C-alpha cells in the first residue's frame, strides 16, 4: 500500500501576530493524515512567536537571524524541512477544512511539480483574489494575469473555472511544490526579496520540462496586501524591478533584448501616468527599478541557464494582455481568444 505523502505547511512570518491569531485555527485544523506545521520566522520584533509557542506548542518554529524577505526567508527555512511536498502559505490566508488532499491527489495523479488552490478574496468571498485567482498566466511581454483576474479587475466565482487546469505559474500565497523539485531548482531567487519570485520559479520549473497545475476542489481565502498594500511605492518598485529581471533570466537571448526594450518604454508610460496622477513616489519607484536593472545587469545575466529541449510553454499568452484590457476592453479571462494560448 502506497504511503501518504508527507506535507509540510510552512508559514513565513514577519511581525504578523494579527494574522496568526486570526488564521492559525483554520490552518491547524486542516484535514490531512501526514502533515507537519511550521512557522518560519524572519527575525520578527513583535510577540508573534511568543503567541505561537504559548497557544500552538506542537507547531515547529524555525528562526532566521534576520529578515531575508519572502524569497530568501523561505530558502533559508526550507533547508531545514523534510517532506515530500512543501506548502508555502501566507499568514493572511484562511483555509477550508479539506484544502490539502485534493491538490496532493491531483499532483500525484497528473505528475504536477507545483500547484495552487482556488484563491478567493477574504473580504469578498464570492470573488477571486488578485494574487492567484484560478491560476496564473503570462503574456508575450511578461505581464502576469490570472484566470479570474486581469489587471485590477477580478471576477466573481460562478464556477466558470472549476476545471483542473495546467497553468503557467502558481501563486506564492498558497504554493504547493514537490520538495525534490524545489531543491533541484534551488528554490526562489533570493535577490527578488518579494513579489514575482514564484513566477520566476515556475518559469524555471517549466523550462526544465515540469508542469504547474490548478485545483478548483481546494479553496482558500486570501486577505492580500498583508505585508505591502497595493498602493505602496516599495511594492511598485519590487514589481517593476523583478519583472525585468525575470524576463532577462528566462527569455531566449534575442527575444529578451527585444521584449525588454519594449517593456522599458511601456514602463516609461506607466511612470508618466503616475506623474500625471501626482503619485510621485510610485513614479520614482519605477525609475529606481530601472536603475537597479542596469546596475545589476551582468549579475542577473550570469543567472541565465540552458534548459532541456523539453521546455513547457503551456500558459503563455501570445498577445498583449495590456492591449486587450485597455484597448479591446476584455476584462474576463474566458473572453480571451483561446487560439492565442
Protein backbone atom coordinates (compact mmCIF):
# COMPACT_ATOMS: atom_id res chain seq x y z
CA UNK A 1 0.00 0.00 0.00
CA UNK A 2 1.41 3.39 -1.02
CA UNK A 3 2.28 5.66 1.87
CA UNK A 4 0.52 9.01 2.13
CA UNK A 5 2.99 11.72 1.03
CA UNK A 6 4.28 13.89 3.86
CA UNK A 7 3.22 17.53 3.59
CA UNK A 8 4.91 20.41 5.40
CA UNK A 9 2.77 23.54 5.66
CA UNK A 10 5.27 26.37 6.14
CA UNK A 11 4.16 29.89 7.04
CA UNK A 12 6.78 32.60 6.77
CA UNK A 13 6.21 35.17 9.48
CA UNK A 14 7.45 38.70 9.99
CA UNK A 15 5.62 40.66 12.68
CA UNK A 16 2.26 39.17 11.73
CA UNK A 17 0.76 38.23 15.08
CA UNK A 18 -2.61 39.66 13.99
CA UNK A 19 -2.91 37.22 11.06
CA UNK A 20 -1.53 34.27 13.04
CA UNK A 21 -4.16 34.82 15.73
CA UNK A 22 -6.86 35.09 13.09
CA UNK A 23 -5.96 32.27 10.71
CA UNK A 24 -3.86 29.66 12.55
CA UNK A 25 -7.01 27.95 13.91
CA UNK A 26 -8.26 27.11 10.40
CA UNK A 27 -4.78 26.05 9.27
CA UNK A 28 -4.04 23.94 12.34
CA UNK A 29 -7.32 22.06 11.92
CA UNK A 30 -6.61 21.13 8.30
CA UNK A 31 -7.68 17.60 7.39
CA UNK A 32 -4.69 15.56 6.21
CA UNK A 33 -3.12 12.47 7.77
CA UNK A 34 0.61 13.04 7.25
CA UNK A 35 1.31 16.71 7.96
CA UNK A 36 3.69 19.00 9.80
CA UNK A 37 3.04 22.66 10.61
CA UNK A 38 5.99 25.04 10.65
CA UNK A 39 6.35 28.74 11.35
CA UNK A 40 9.45 30.16 9.70
CA UNK A 41 10.26 33.46 11.37
CA UNK A 42 12.14 36.27 9.62
CA UNK A 43 13.51 37.85 12.83
CA UNK A 44 10.20 39.32 13.98
CA UNK A 45 10.30 42.07 16.59
CA UNK A 46 6.70 41.68 17.80
CA UNK A 47 5.40 38.91 20.09
CA UNK A 48 4.07 36.71 17.27
CA UNK A 49 6.42 33.82 18.05
CA UNK A 50 5.66 34.01 21.77
CA UNK A 51 1.97 33.72 20.82
CA UNK A 52 2.58 30.58 18.74
CA UNK A 53 4.74 28.99 21.44
CA UNK A 54 2.03 29.57 24.06
CA UNK A 55 -1.07 28.54 22.12
CA UNK A 56 0.34 26.13 19.50
CA UNK A 57 3.22 24.29 21.21
CA UNK A 58 3.11 21.45 18.65
CA UNK A 59 3.88 23.78 15.75
CA UNK A 60 7.57 23.73 14.91
CA UNK A 61 9.30 27.09 14.83
CA UNK A 62 12.41 27.80 12.74
CA UNK A 63 14.03 31.19 13.22
CA UNK A 64 16.10 33.17 10.74
CA UNK A 65 18.75 35.52 12.09
CA UNK A 66 17.37 38.48 10.09
CA UNK A 67 14.62 39.42 7.65
CA UNK A 68 15.62 37.79 4.35
CA UNK A 69 12.36 38.75 2.65
CA UNK A 70 9.82 36.31 1.25
CA UNK A 71 12.21 34.66 -1.20
CA UNK A 72 15.36 34.43 0.89
CA UNK A 73 13.39 33.67 4.03
CA UNK A 74 11.77 30.58 2.54
CA UNK A 75 15.08 29.47 1.03
CA UNK A 76 16.68 29.52 4.49
CA UNK A 77 13.77 27.85 6.27
CA UNK A 78 13.15 25.02 3.80
CA UNK A 79 16.73 23.73 4.05
CA UNK A 80 15.64 22.52 7.50
CA UNK A 81 12.37 20.87 6.46
CA UNK A 82 11.98 17.23 5.47
CA UNK A 83 8.83 16.40 3.50
CA UNK A 84 7.60 15.13 0.14
CA UNK A 85 5.67 18.33 -0.53
CA UNK A 86 6.16 21.86 0.72
CA UNK A 87 3.15 24.15 1.05
CA UNK A 88 4.24 27.77 1.21
CA UNK A 89 1.32 29.54 2.85
CA UNK A 90 0.92 33.25 3.52
CA UNK A 91 -0.02 34.20 7.07
CA UNK A 92 -3.03 36.17 5.76
CA UNK A 93 -4.79 33.11 4.33
CA UNK A 94 -7.85 31.36 5.74
CA UNK A 95 -8.05 27.73 4.60
CA UNK A 96 -11.00 25.39 4.32
CA UNK A 97 -11.03 22.05 6.14
CA UNK A 98 -10.13 19.76 3.23
CA UNK A 99 -7.87 22.06 1.20
CA UNK A 100 -4.73 19.88 1.08
CA UNK A 101 -5.79 16.39 -0.05
CA UNK A 102 -7.40 17.40 -3.40
CA UNK A 103 -4.22 19.15 -4.55
CA UNK A 104 -1.86 16.38 -3.44
CA UNK A 105 -4.09 13.80 -5.15
CA UNK A 106 -4.10 15.87 -8.35
CA UNK A 107 -0.33 16.36 -8.27
CA UNK A 108 0.27 12.64 -7.71
CA UNK A 109 -2.18 11.66 -10.45
CA UNK A 110 -1.12 14.22 -13.10
CA UNK A 111 2.55 14.48 -12.11
CA UNK A 112 2.46 18.21 -11.45
CA UNK A 113 5.62 19.63 -9.90
CA UNK A 114 3.79 22.64 -8.41
CA UNK A 115 0.17 23.67 -7.99
CA UNK A 116 -2.21 26.07 -6.33
CA UNK A 117 -5.76 26.03 -4.95
CA UNK A 118 -8.58 28.35 -5.94
CA UNK A 119 -7.87 31.73 -4.33
CA UNK A 120 -10.87 33.80 -3.29
CA UNK A 121 -10.84 37.19 -1.57
CA UNK A 122 -11.25 37.02 2.20
CA UNK A 123 -13.26 40.24 2.36
CA UNK A 124 -15.42 39.36 -0.63
CA UNK A 125 -15.68 35.61 -0.55
CA UNK A 126 -17.65 35.14 -3.75
CA UNK A 127 -14.90 36.88 -5.77
CA UNK A 128 -11.47 35.75 -6.96
CA UNK A 129 -8.50 37.31 -5.21
CA UNK A 130 -5.90 39.27 -7.16
CA UNK A 131 -2.85 37.18 -6.21
CA UNK A 132 -3.53 33.88 -7.93
CA UNK A 133 -7.28 33.64 -8.52
CA UNK A 134 -7.82 30.44 -10.58
CA UNK A 135 -4.25 30.07 -11.80
CA UNK A 136 -1.54 32.28 -13.27
CA UNK A 137 -0.61 33.07 -16.88
CA UNK A 138 1.82 35.44 -18.55
CA UNK A 139 1.62 37.41 -21.81
CA UNK A 140 4.25 37.89 -24.54
CA UNK A 141 5.67 40.96 -22.76
CA UNK A 142 5.93 39.32 -19.36
CA UNK A 143 2.81 40.78 -17.74
CA UNK A 144 1.23 38.27 -15.36
CA UNK A 145 -2.53 37.74 -15.09
CA UNK A 146 -4.87 35.00 -13.93
CA UNK A 147 -7.98 33.10 -14.76
CA UNK A 148 -10.44 35.25 -12.85
CA UNK A 149 -8.21 38.35 -12.72
CA UNK A 150 -6.90 40.57 -15.50
CA UNK A 151 -5.04 43.68 -14.38
CA UNK A 152 -7.04 45.16 -11.48
CA UNK A 153 -10.35 43.54 -12.46
CA UNK A 154 -11.37 40.43 -10.50
CA UNK A 155 -14.31 38.24 -11.47
CA UNK A 156 -16.97 36.74 -9.25
CA UNK A 157 -16.59 32.99 -8.86
CA UNK A 158 -19.61 31.45 -10.56
CA UNK A 159 -17.95 28.10 -11.20
CA UNK A 160 -16.61 29.23 -14.57
CA UNK A 161 -13.11 28.00 -13.72
CA UNK A 162 -13.97 24.78 -11.90
CA UNK A 163 -11.84 22.54 -14.09
CA UNK A 164 -8.39 21.24 -13.24
CA UNK A 165 -6.00 23.11 -15.49
CA UNK A 166 -2.35 23.27 -16.38
CA UNK A 167 -1.22 26.88 -15.83
CA UNK A 168 1.96 28.92 -16.17
CA UNK A 169 2.51 29.97 -12.57
CA UNK A 170 1.08 29.16 -9.15
CA UNK A 171 0.64 31.85 -6.55
CA UNK A 172 3.10 32.18 -3.68
CA UNK A 173 0.16 32.85 -1.35
CA UNK A 174 -0.55 29.10 -1.27
CA UNK A 175 2.13 27.32 -3.30
CA UNK A 176 2.31 23.52 -3.32
CA UNK A 177 5.62 22.20 -4.68
CA UNK A 178 7.43 18.88 -4.68
CA UNK A 179 10.39 19.10 -2.32
CA UNK A 180 12.74 17.39 -4.78
CA UNK A 181 11.90 19.97 -7.49
CA UNK A 182 12.38 22.84 -5.06
CA UNK A 183 15.84 21.51 -4.22
CA UNK A 184 16.70 20.82 -7.86
CA UNK A 185 15.96 24.44 -8.82
CA UNK A 186 17.49 25.89 -5.63
CA UNK A 187 14.21 27.44 -4.58
CA UNK A 188 13.47 31.12 -5.10
CA UNK A 189 15.87 33.69 -6.45
CA UNK A 190 16.67 35.40 -3.13
CA UNK A 191 17.57 38.67 -4.91
CA UNK A 192 13.88 39.13 -5.70
CA UNK A 193 13.25 39.64 -1.94
CA UNK A 194 9.47 39.70 -2.53
CA UNK A 195 6.99 39.76 -5.45
CA UNK A 196 7.12 37.65 -8.63
CA UNK A 197 9.61 35.20 -7.13
CA UNK A 198 7.01 32.44 -7.56
CA UNK A 199 6.51 33.34 -11.24
CA UNK A 200 10.27 33.21 -11.80
CA UNK A 201 10.43 29.84 -10.02
CA UNK A 202 7.55 28.41 -12.05
CA UNK A 203 9.12 29.70 -15.27
CA UNK A 204 12.40 27.98 -14.42
CA UNK A 205 10.44 24.88 -13.48
CA UNK A 206 8.65 24.82 -16.83
CA UNK A 207 11.91 25.44 -18.69
CA UNK A 208 13.06 22.18 -17.13
CA UNK A 209 10.01 20.40 -18.57
CA UNK A 210 7.80 20.29 -15.47
CA UNK A 211 4.09 21.12 -15.19
CA UNK A 212 2.22 23.55 -12.93
CA UNK A 213 -1.42 22.91 -12.05
CA UNK A 214 -4.57 24.49 -10.64
CA UNK A 215 -7.00 22.57 -8.42
CA UNK A 216 -10.54 24.02 -8.10
CA UNK A 217 -11.54 21.48 -5.44
CA UNK A 218 -9.27 23.22 -2.92
CA UNK A 219 -10.38 26.70 -1.81
CA UNK A 220 -8.63 29.26 0.37
CA UNK A 221 -9.37 32.90 1.18
CA UNK A 222 -6.59 35.47 0.92
CA UNK A 223 -6.62 38.90 2.55
CA UNK A 224 -3.87 40.23 0.25
CA UNK A 225 -1.56 43.12 0.94
CA UNK A 226 -0.82 41.77 4.42
CA UNK A 227 2.78 42.99 4.23
CA UNK A 228 2.68 45.65 1.49
CA UNK A 229 -0.61 47.06 0.26
CA UNK A 230 -1.26 47.71 -3.42
CA UNK A 231 -0.51 51.44 -3.20
CA UNK A 232 2.86 51.06 -1.51
CA UNK A 233 5.74 52.50 -3.61
CA UNK A 234 8.03 49.71 -2.39
CA UNK A 235 5.64 47.20 -3.95
CA UNK A 236 5.68 49.23 -7.18
CA UNK A 237 9.48 49.14 -7.13
CA UNK A 238 9.71 45.40 -6.49
CA UNK A 239 7.13 44.51 -9.14
CA UNK A 240 8.72 46.59 -11.90
CA UNK A 241 12.27 45.60 -10.92
CA UNK A 242 11.62 41.87 -10.55
CA UNK A 243 9.60 41.66 -13.74
CA UNK A 244 12.51 42.99 -15.79
CA UNK A 245 14.98 40.65 -14.08
CA UNK A 246 12.64 37.70 -14.64
CA UNK A 247 12.47 38.45 -18.36
CA UNK A 248 16.25 38.78 -18.58
CA UNK A 249 16.76 35.44 -16.84
CA UNK A 250 14.18 33.34 -18.62
CA UNK A 251 13.60 34.55 -22.18
CA UNK A 252 15.83 33.37 -25.04
CA UNK A 253 18.62 35.92 -25.51
CA UNK A 254 17.45 37.52 -28.76
CA UNK A 255 13.86 37.67 -27.60
CA UNK A 256 14.90 39.07 -24.22
CA UNK A 257 16.65 42.03 -25.85
CA UNK A 258 13.59 42.94 -27.92
CA UNK A 259 10.97 42.34 -25.21
CA UNK A 260 12.91 44.24 -22.54
CA UNK A 261 13.38 47.15 -24.94
CA UNK A 262 9.61 47.32 -25.39
CA UNK A 263 8.98 46.90 -21.65
CA UNK A 264 11.26 49.81 -20.78
CA UNK A 265 9.13 52.08 -22.96
CA UNK A 266 5.90 50.69 -21.51
CA UNK A 267 7.31 51.27 -18.03
CA UNK A 268 8.04 54.85 -19.03
CA UNK A 269 4.38 55.27 -19.95
CA UNK A 270 3.43 53.92 -16.52
CA UNK A 271 5.86 56.38 -14.91
CA UNK A 272 4.27 59.26 -16.81
CA UNK A 273 0.82 58.07 -15.73
CA UNK A 274 1.88 58.11 -12.09
CA UNK A 275 3.30 61.60 -12.58
CA UNK A 276 0.01 62.79 -14.07
CA UNK A 277 -1.81 61.37 -11.04
CA UNK A 278 0.71 63.13 -8.77
CA UNK A 279 1.86 59.77 -7.43
CA UNK A 280 5.45 60.90 -7.42
CA UNK A 281 6.74 58.18 -5.09
CA UNK A 282 5.42 55.47 -7.42
CA UNK A 283 6.96 57.23 -10.42
CA UNK A 284 10.30 57.37 -8.61
CA UNK A 285 9.91 53.68 -7.72
CA UNK A 286 9.80 52.78 -11.43
CA UNK A 287 12.90 54.90 -12.05
CA UNK A 288 14.71 53.13 -9.21
CA UNK A 289 13.64 49.75 -10.62
CA UNK A 290 15.27 50.64 -13.95
CA UNK A 291 18.41 51.84 -12.21
CA UNK A 292 18.65 48.53 -10.35
CA UNK A 293 18.13 46.57 -13.55
CA UNK A 294 21.03 48.22 -15.35
CA UNK A 295 23.35 48.32 -12.31
CA UNK A 296 22.85 44.58 -11.78
CA UNK A 297 22.60 43.64 -15.45
CA UNK A 298 25.67 41.37 -15.58
CA UNK A 299 24.95 39.74 -12.23
CA UNK A 300 21.50 38.67 -13.41
CA UNK A 301 22.76 37.77 -16.88
CA UNK A 302 25.00 35.22 -15.17
CA UNK A 303 21.88 33.50 -13.80
CA UNK A 304 20.71 32.54 -17.25
CA UNK A 305 20.95 28.79 -17.75
CA UNK A 306 20.46 26.38 -20.59
CA UNK A 307 17.49 24.13 -20.01
CA UNK A 308 16.38 20.94 -21.72
CA UNK A 309 14.58 20.93 -25.04
CA UNK A 310 11.50 19.74 -23.15
CA UNK A 311 10.64 23.33 -22.13
CA UNK A 312 6.93 23.55 -21.32
CA UNK A 313 5.36 26.75 -22.73
CA UNK A 314 1.81 25.98 -21.62
CA UNK A 315 0.19 29.10 -20.17
CA UNK A 316 1.93 31.80 -22.23
CA UNK A 317 -0.47 34.23 -23.93
CA UNK A 318 0.81 35.10 -27.40
CA UNK A 319 -0.66 38.61 -27.42
CA UNK A 320 -0.55 41.67 -25.13
CA UNK A 321 -2.86 41.48 -22.13
CA UNK A 322 -2.39 45.24 -21.66
CA UNK A 323 -3.73 45.92 -25.18
CA UNK A 324 -6.62 43.50 -24.74
CA UNK A 325 -7.61 45.01 -21.40
CA UNK A 326 -7.29 48.72 -22.13
CA UNK A 327 -7.99 48.85 -25.88
CA UNK A 328 -10.13 45.78 -26.60
CA UNK A 329 -11.90 46.17 -23.22
CA UNK A 330 -11.55 42.49 -22.34
CA UNK A 331 -11.89 42.03 -18.58
CA UNK A 332 -12.63 38.33 -18.25
CA UNK A 333 -10.17 35.54 -18.92
CA UNK A 334 -12.92 33.49 -20.58
CA UNK A 335 -13.32 36.24 -23.21
CA UNK A 336 -9.70 36.00 -24.38
CA UNK A 337 -9.33 34.18 -27.73
CA UNK A 338 -8.32 30.59 -26.95
CA UNK A 339 -6.15 30.34 -30.11
CA UNK A 340 -3.75 32.88 -28.59
CA UNK A 341 -2.59 30.45 -25.89
